[in-house]
Amino acid sequence: MDTTDKKQLTHLDEQGNIHMVDVTDRPETVREAIAHGRVRMRPETVRLIEGNQISKGSVLEVAKIAGIMAAKQTPQIIPLCHPLPMTHIDLQFTLESESGLISIEGRTRTNYKTGVDVEALTAVTVAALTIYDMCKGVDTTITLEQAYIAQKSGGKSGTVTFQPGPTRP
């Protein structure tokens, strides 16, 4: 069943007008989010990244910095996101050269009135885009896959764990 049947869309008021959610009366709590994403490419491209042999530089270091910077800028690119005092942002990469896959995990944290899930997704997707940009000259098969929130915690919902949706060929 579609969850919109049970919950009201929070960025719409009673008349259906778009608005930013008012979080004034919410308590500040530690809120965390973990997002996952993947970048698929030729196995030999992953090996080039592992050996730091991409001519543009250290792919994973640049992707990590890009993801961190993007998470901090989320309210500038997603119109109804609140500006948040980010207290932690980190990205980790797992390279699987045999399968031509780079898995990305992004973690975000704040002590505030609203969550950091969109910031975690922003970090992961911009890191993936950066990997694409830095490697597109040596591999035209690169695809970005399955960016999703794996877990979020804090606020009235507590800790919630999610599974990715079905993959598509």
Protein backbone atom coordinates (compact mmCIF):
# COMPACT_ATOMS: atom_id res chain seq x y z
CA MET A 1 0.00 0.00 0.00
CA ASP A 2 1.24 3.49 -0.80
CA THR A 3 2.39 5.20 2.41
CA THR A 4 0.91 8.51 1.23
CA ASP A 5 -2.49 6.99 2.04
CA LYS A 6 -1.54 6.96 5.73
CA LYS A 7 0.61 10.08 6.05
CA GLN A 8 0.05 13.64 4.98
CA LEU A 9 2.58 15.10 2.56
CA THR A 10 4.40 17.50 4.88
CA HIS A 11 5.44 20.04 2.24
CA LEU A 12 1.81 20.80 1.41
CA ASP A 13 -0.52 22.82 3.61
CA GLU A 14 -4.25 22.09 4.04
CA GLN A 15 -5.02 23.94 0.80
CA GLY A 16 -2.38 22.03 -1.18
CA ASN A 17 0.11 24.90 -1.31
CA ILE A 18 3.82 24.19 -1.08
CA HIS A 19 5.55 25.36 2.10
CA MET A 20 8.62 24.66 4.17
CA VAL A 21 7.78 22.51 7.19
CA ASP A 22 7.73 24.49 10.44
CA VAL A 23 10.07 22.77 12.92
CA THR A 24 10.05 25.57 15.49
CA ASP A 25 8.40 23.52 18.25
CA ARG A 26 10.31 20.28 17.66
CA PRO A 27 12.95 19.33 20.22
CA GLU A 28 16.58 19.18 19.18
CA THR A 29 17.85 15.59 19.14
CA VAL A 30 20.86 13.84 17.67
CA ARG A 31 19.82 12.75 14.20
CA GLU A 32 21.82 10.49 11.95
CA ALA A 33 21.40 9.03 8.49
CA ILE A 34 23.22 6.44 6.42
CA ALA A 35 22.85 6.41 2.64
CA HIS A 36 24.19 3.86 0.18
CA GLY A 37 24.88 4.11 -3.51
CA ARG A 38 26.85 2.27 -6.17
CA VAL A 39 28.83 3.07 -9.28
CA ARG A 40 29.25 0.31 -11.85
CA MET A 41 32.04 0.32 -14.42
CA ARG A 42 34.46 -1.97 -16.19
CA PRO A 43 36.60 -4.01 -13.77
CA GLU A 44 39.77 -2.55 -15.28
CA THR A 45 38.56 0.97 -14.43
CA VAL A 46 38.15 0.00 -10.77
CA ARG A 47 41.71 -1.36 -10.87
CA LEU A 48 42.93 1.98 -12.29
CA ILE A 49 41.20 3.77 -9.39
CA GLU A 50 42.71 1.32 -6.89
CA GLY A 51 46.18 2.00 -8.31
CA ASN A 52 45.62 5.77 -8.38
CA GLN A 53 46.22 5.71 -12.15
CA ILE A 54 43.42 7.99 -13.32
CA SER A 55 45.05 11.04 -14.90
CA LYS A 56 42.72 13.51 -13.17
CA GLY A 57 43.99 12.53 -9.72
CA SER A 58 42.90 10.55 -6.68
CA VAL A 59 39.33 9.67 -7.63
CA LEU A 60 38.13 8.58 -4.19
CA GLU A 61 39.68 11.51 -2.31
CA VAL A 62 38.12 14.01 -4.71
CA ALA A 63 34.77 12.16 -4.55
CA LYS A 64 34.87 12.22 -0.74
CA ILE A 65 35.53 15.96 -0.62
CA ALA A 66 32.83 16.61 -3.24
CA GLY A 67 30.29 14.55 -1.27
CA ILE A 68 31.07 16.34 1.99
CA MET A 69 30.83 19.75 0.33
CA ALA A 70 27.55 18.80 -1.35
CA ALA A 71 25.95 17.60 1.88
CA LYS A 72 26.69 20.99 3.45
CA GLN A 73 25.06 22.73 0.47
CA THR A 74 21.89 20.61 0.31
CA PRO A 75 19.49 23.50 1.15
CA GLN A 76 20.89 25.46 -1.81
CA ILE A 77 19.95 22.71 -4.29
CA ILE A 78 16.84 21.12 -2.71
CA PRO A 79 14.36 23.99 -2.30
CA LEU A 80 12.44 22.94 0.84
CA CYS A 81 15.32 21.49 2.89
CA HIS A 82 16.18 23.26 6.10
CA PRO A 83 19.71 24.60 6.56
CA LEU A 84 21.23 22.36 9.23
CA PRO A 85 24.19 22.64 11.56
CA MET A 86 25.98 19.52 10.31
CA THR A 87 28.12 17.96 13.04
CA HIS A 88 29.49 15.02 11.04
CA ILE A 89 29.72 13.97 7.40
CA ASP A 90 31.72 11.00 6.19
CA LEU A 91 31.93 8.86 3.08
CA GLN A 92 33.47 5.42 2.72
CA PHE A 93 34.13 3.53 -0.50
CA THR A 94 34.33 -0.23 -1.07
CA LEU A 95 35.94 -1.27 -4.34
CA GLU A 96 35.11 -4.60 -5.94
CA SER A 97 37.36 -4.79 -8.98
CA GLU A 98 36.19 -8.28 -9.98
CA SER A 99 32.59 -7.09 -10.42
CA GLY A 100 33.41 -3.53 -11.52
CA LEU A 101 31.59 -1.97 -8.60
CA ILE A 102 32.27 0.85 -6.16
CA SER A 103 29.91 0.96 -3.19
CA ILE A 104 29.53 4.26 -1.37
CA GLU A 105 28.30 4.75 2.18
CA GLY A 106 27.55 8.26 3.40
CA ARG A 107 26.91 9.12 7.06
CA THR A 108 25.57 12.43 8.31
CA ARG A 109 24.79 13.70 11.79
CA THR A 110 23.37 16.78 13.47
CA ASN A 111 21.87 17.82 16.77
CA TYR A 112 18.83 19.62 15.47
CA LYS A 113 15.05 19.59 14.93
CA THR A 114 14.93 17.76 11.61
CA GLY A 115 16.76 14.87 9.99
CA VAL A 116 19.81 14.63 7.76
CA ASP A 117 18.65 11.95 5.32
CA VAL A 118 18.56 14.19 2.25
CA GLU A 119 22.06 15.40 3.13
CA ALA A 120 23.32 11.80 3.27
CA LEU A 121 21.74 11.06 -0.12
CA THR A 122 23.22 14.25 -1.54
CA ALA A 123 26.68 13.27 -0.30
CA VAL A 124 26.45 9.80 -1.86
CA THR A 125 25.04 10.90 -5.20
CA VAL A 126 27.50 13.77 -5.67
CA ALA A 127 30.37 11.43 -4.75
CA ALA A 128 29.06 9.01 -7.41
CA LEU A 129 28.79 11.83 -9.97
CA THR A 130 32.36 12.85 -9.16
CA ILE A 131 33.60 9.30 -9.76
CA TYR A 132 31.77 9.35 -13.09
CA ASP A 133 33.25 12.72 -14.05
CA MET A 134 36.79 11.74 -13.16
CA CYS A 135 36.64 8.39 -14.99
CA LYS A 136 34.43 9.07 -18.02
CA GLY A 137 37.49 9.61 -20.21
CA VAL A 138 38.61 6.00 -19.74
CA ASP A 139 35.23 4.25 -19.41
CA THR A 140 32.00 5.01 -21.26
CA THR A 141 30.06 2.24 -19.49
CA ILE A 142 29.83 3.90 -16.04
CA THR A 143 26.39 3.86 -14.43
CA LEU A 144 25.15 5.20 -11.09
CA GLU A 145 22.96 2.73 -9.21
CA GLN A 146 20.72 2.39 -6.18
CA ALA A 147 21.13 5.50 -4.09
CA TYR A 148 18.91 5.03 -1.05
CA ILE A 149 18.64 5.71 2.68
CA ALA A 150 19.69 2.59 4.58
CA GLN A 151 19.01 3.93 8.08
CA LYS A 152 18.03 7.06 9.93
CA SER A 153 17.66 7.81 13.60
CA GLY A 154 16.63 10.55 15.97
CA GLY A 155 13.42 12.45 16.42
CA LYS A 156 10.07 10.89 17.25
CA SER A 157 10.48 7.92 14.87
CA GLY A 158 13.62 6.59 16.56
CA THR A 159 15.81 4.32 14.43
CA VAL A 160 14.37 3.17 11.11
CA THR A 161 16.12 0.79 8.70
CA PHE A 162 15.27 0.64 5.01
CA GLN A 163 15.96 -1.80 2.18
CA PRO A 164 16.64 -0.74 -1.41
CA GLY A 165 13.95 -1.15 -4.00
CA PRO A 166 14.25 -3.66 -6.82
CA THR A 167 17.17 -3.23 -9.20
CA ARG A 168 16.54 -2.62 -12.86
CA PRO A 169 18.68 -3.93 -15.73
